[in-house]
Amino acid sequence: MELCFLHADAELQGPPDKFNTYVTLKVQNVKSTTVAVRGAQPSWEQDFLFEISRLDLGLIVEVWDKGLIWDTMVGTAWIALETVRQSDEEGTGEWSTLEAEVLMNGQEVCGTKNPTPHKILLDTRF
């Protein structure tokens, strides 16, 4: 089964010139990263395809702010793969609150906690 990530938009709280952000996507030990975009309402229009063999896992979405020396995580979201829509067409996406921490079940991420004021709009589908 192929998971398709089409685009993401974010609403970040703070001065627009503060942010130079990018998104990392992680699923089944595969990681992909978008380019960095400036501003408090960035939009990433990059397509990613992931081969999925287990629907009991999730897609980890992290928003990072690029720094001179270190990058800082703005927030993270966890999308259960079993909740991703099946469609041949692009959708409008769903807003998720970015959280500050991930929840672990052994070695696997199973959710997130501690909401931040930041949000992300994700369009994903199978």
Protein backbone atom coordinates (compact mmCIF):
# COMPACT_ATOMS: atom_id res chain seq x y z
CA MET A 1 0.00 0.00 0.00
CA GLU A 2 1.32 3.46 -0.87
CA LEU A 3 0.90 6.45 1.45
CA CYS A 4 0.87 9.75 -0.42
CA PHE A 5 1.74 12.99 1.37
CA LEU A 6 0.69 15.91 -0.83
CA HIS A 7 1.08 19.17 1.04
CA ALA A 8 1.21 20.87 4.41
CA ASP A 9 0.38 24.36 5.62
CA ALA A 10 1.10 25.67 9.11
CA GLU A 11 -0.12 28.44 11.38
CA LEU A 12 2.75 29.33 13.71
CA GLN A 13 2.37 31.75 16.61
CA GLY A 14 5.04 34.44 16.75
CA PRO A 15 6.66 37.12 14.59
CA PRO A 16 6.67 36.08 10.90
CA ASP A 17 10.37 36.85 10.51
CA LYS A 18 11.19 34.45 13.37
CA PHE A 19 10.41 31.26 11.46
CA ASN A 20 12.34 29.38 8.78
CA THR A 21 10.68 25.99 9.07
CA TYR A 22 10.70 22.60 7.41
CA VAL A 23 8.77 19.37 7.94
CA THR A 24 10.12 15.88 8.53
CA LEU A 25 7.90 12.86 7.88
CA LYS A 26 8.70 9.52 9.47
CA VAL A 27 6.95 6.21 8.91
CA GLN A 28 8.26 2.62 9.19
CA ASN A 29 11.91 3.72 9.64
CA VAL A 30 11.80 5.95 6.53
CA LYS A 31 12.33 9.69 6.89
CA SER A 32 11.73 12.47 4.34
CA THR A 33 12.24 16.21 4.73
CA THR A 34 10.79 19.25 2.95
CA VAL A 35 12.70 22.40 2.05
CA ALA A 36 12.73 25.24 4.60
CA VAL A 37 10.10 27.99 4.15
CA ARG A 38 10.13 31.40 5.87
CA GLY A 39 7.17 32.99 7.66
CA ALA A 40 4.49 32.27 10.26
CA GLN A 41 2.17 30.65 7.67
CA PRO A 42 4.48 28.41 5.64
CA SER A 43 3.24 26.10 2.91
CA TRP A 44 5.12 23.05 1.68
CA GLU A 45 3.99 21.75 -1.72
CA GLN A 46 6.14 18.65 -1.97
CA ASP A 47 4.87 15.17 -2.77
CA PHE A 48 6.20 12.16 -0.88
CA LEU A 49 5.30 8.50 -1.36
CA PHE A 50 5.88 5.84 1.30
CA GLU A 51 5.44 2.09 0.87
CA ILE A 52 3.36 0.94 3.85
CA SER A 53 3.20 -2.66 5.04
CA ARG A 54 1.61 -2.10 8.48
CA LEU A 55 -1.53 -0.04 9.09
CA ASP A 56 -1.19 -0.35 12.88
CA LEU A 57 1.61 2.26 12.86
CA GLY A 58 1.49 6.01 12.41
CA LEU A 59 2.98 8.87 10.42
CA ILE A 60 5.13 11.16 12.57
CA VAL A 61 5.13 14.77 11.38
CA GLU A 62 7.66 17.16 12.89
CA VAL A 63 7.97 20.88 12.20
CA TRP A 64 11.48 22.25 12.75
CA ASP A 65 12.78 25.81 12.84
CA LYS A 66 16.14 26.07 11.07
CA GLY A 67 18.85 27.67 13.21
CA LEU A 68 22.40 28.82 12.59
CA ILE A 69 23.88 26.04 14.71
CA TRP A 70 20.97 23.87 15.85
CA ASP A 71 17.48 23.37 14.56
CA THR A 72 14.64 23.61 17.09
CA MET A 73 11.52 21.47 17.02
CA VAL A 74 8.38 23.64 16.83
CA GLY A 75 6.05 20.70 17.37
CA THR A 76 5.04 17.22 16.30
CA ALA A 77 1.88 15.38 15.27
CA TRP A 78 1.15 11.66 15.03
CA ILE A 79 -1.36 10.44 12.43
CA ALA A 80 -2.64 6.88 12.88
CA LEU A 81 -2.33 5.21 9.45
CA GLU A 82 -5.69 3.49 9.91
CA THR A 83 -7.33 6.96 9.96
CA VAL A 84 -5.79 8.13 6.65
CA ARG A 85 -8.40 8.37 3.90
CA GLN A 86 -8.31 6.19 0.80
CA SER A 87 -8.80 8.22 -2.37
CA ASP A 88 -7.46 8.83 -5.87
CA GLU A 89 -8.00 12.58 -5.50
CA GLU A 90 -6.40 15.38 -3.52
CA GLY A 91 -8.35 16.50 -0.49
CA THR A 92 -8.61 19.66 1.56
CA GLY A 93 -6.55 18.16 4.38
CA GLU A 94 -7.08 18.16 8.14
CA TRP A 95 -5.80 20.57 10.78
CA SER A 96 -3.83 19.10 13.69
CA THR A 97 -2.43 20.84 16.75
CA LEU A 98 1.32 20.43 17.01
CA GLU A 99 2.31 18.84 20.31
CA ALA A 100 5.55 19.23 22.28
CA GLU A 101 6.23 15.54 23.07
CA VAL A 102 5.79 12.08 21.62
CA LEU A 103 4.31 9.13 23.52
CA MET A 104 6.16 5.84 23.25
CA ASN A 105 4.97 2.25 23.58
CA GLY A 106 8.23 0.35 23.84
CA GLN A 107 10.21 1.33 20.74
CA GLU A 108 7.23 2.68 18.77
CA VAL A 109 5.63 6.12 18.80
CA CYS A 110 1.94 5.79 19.68
CA GLY A 111 0.84 9.43 19.99
CA THR A 112 1.76 12.93 21.10
CA LYS A 113 1.02 15.15 24.12
CA ASN A 114 1.36 18.70 25.48
CA PRO A 115 -0.26 20.97 22.85
CA THR A 116 1.60 23.98 21.48
CA PRO A 117 -0.13 27.07 20.01
CA HIS A 118 0.96 25.94 16.51
CA LYS A 119 -1.18 24.05 13.96
CA ILE A 120 -0.51 22.12 10.78
CA LEU A 121 -2.80 21.27 7.85
CA LEU A 122 -1.91 17.93 6.26
CA ASP A 123 -3.24 16.28 3.12
CA THR A 124 -2.43 12.57 3.21
CA ARG A 125 -4.10 9.64 1.48
CA PHE A 126 -3.66 6.05 0.36
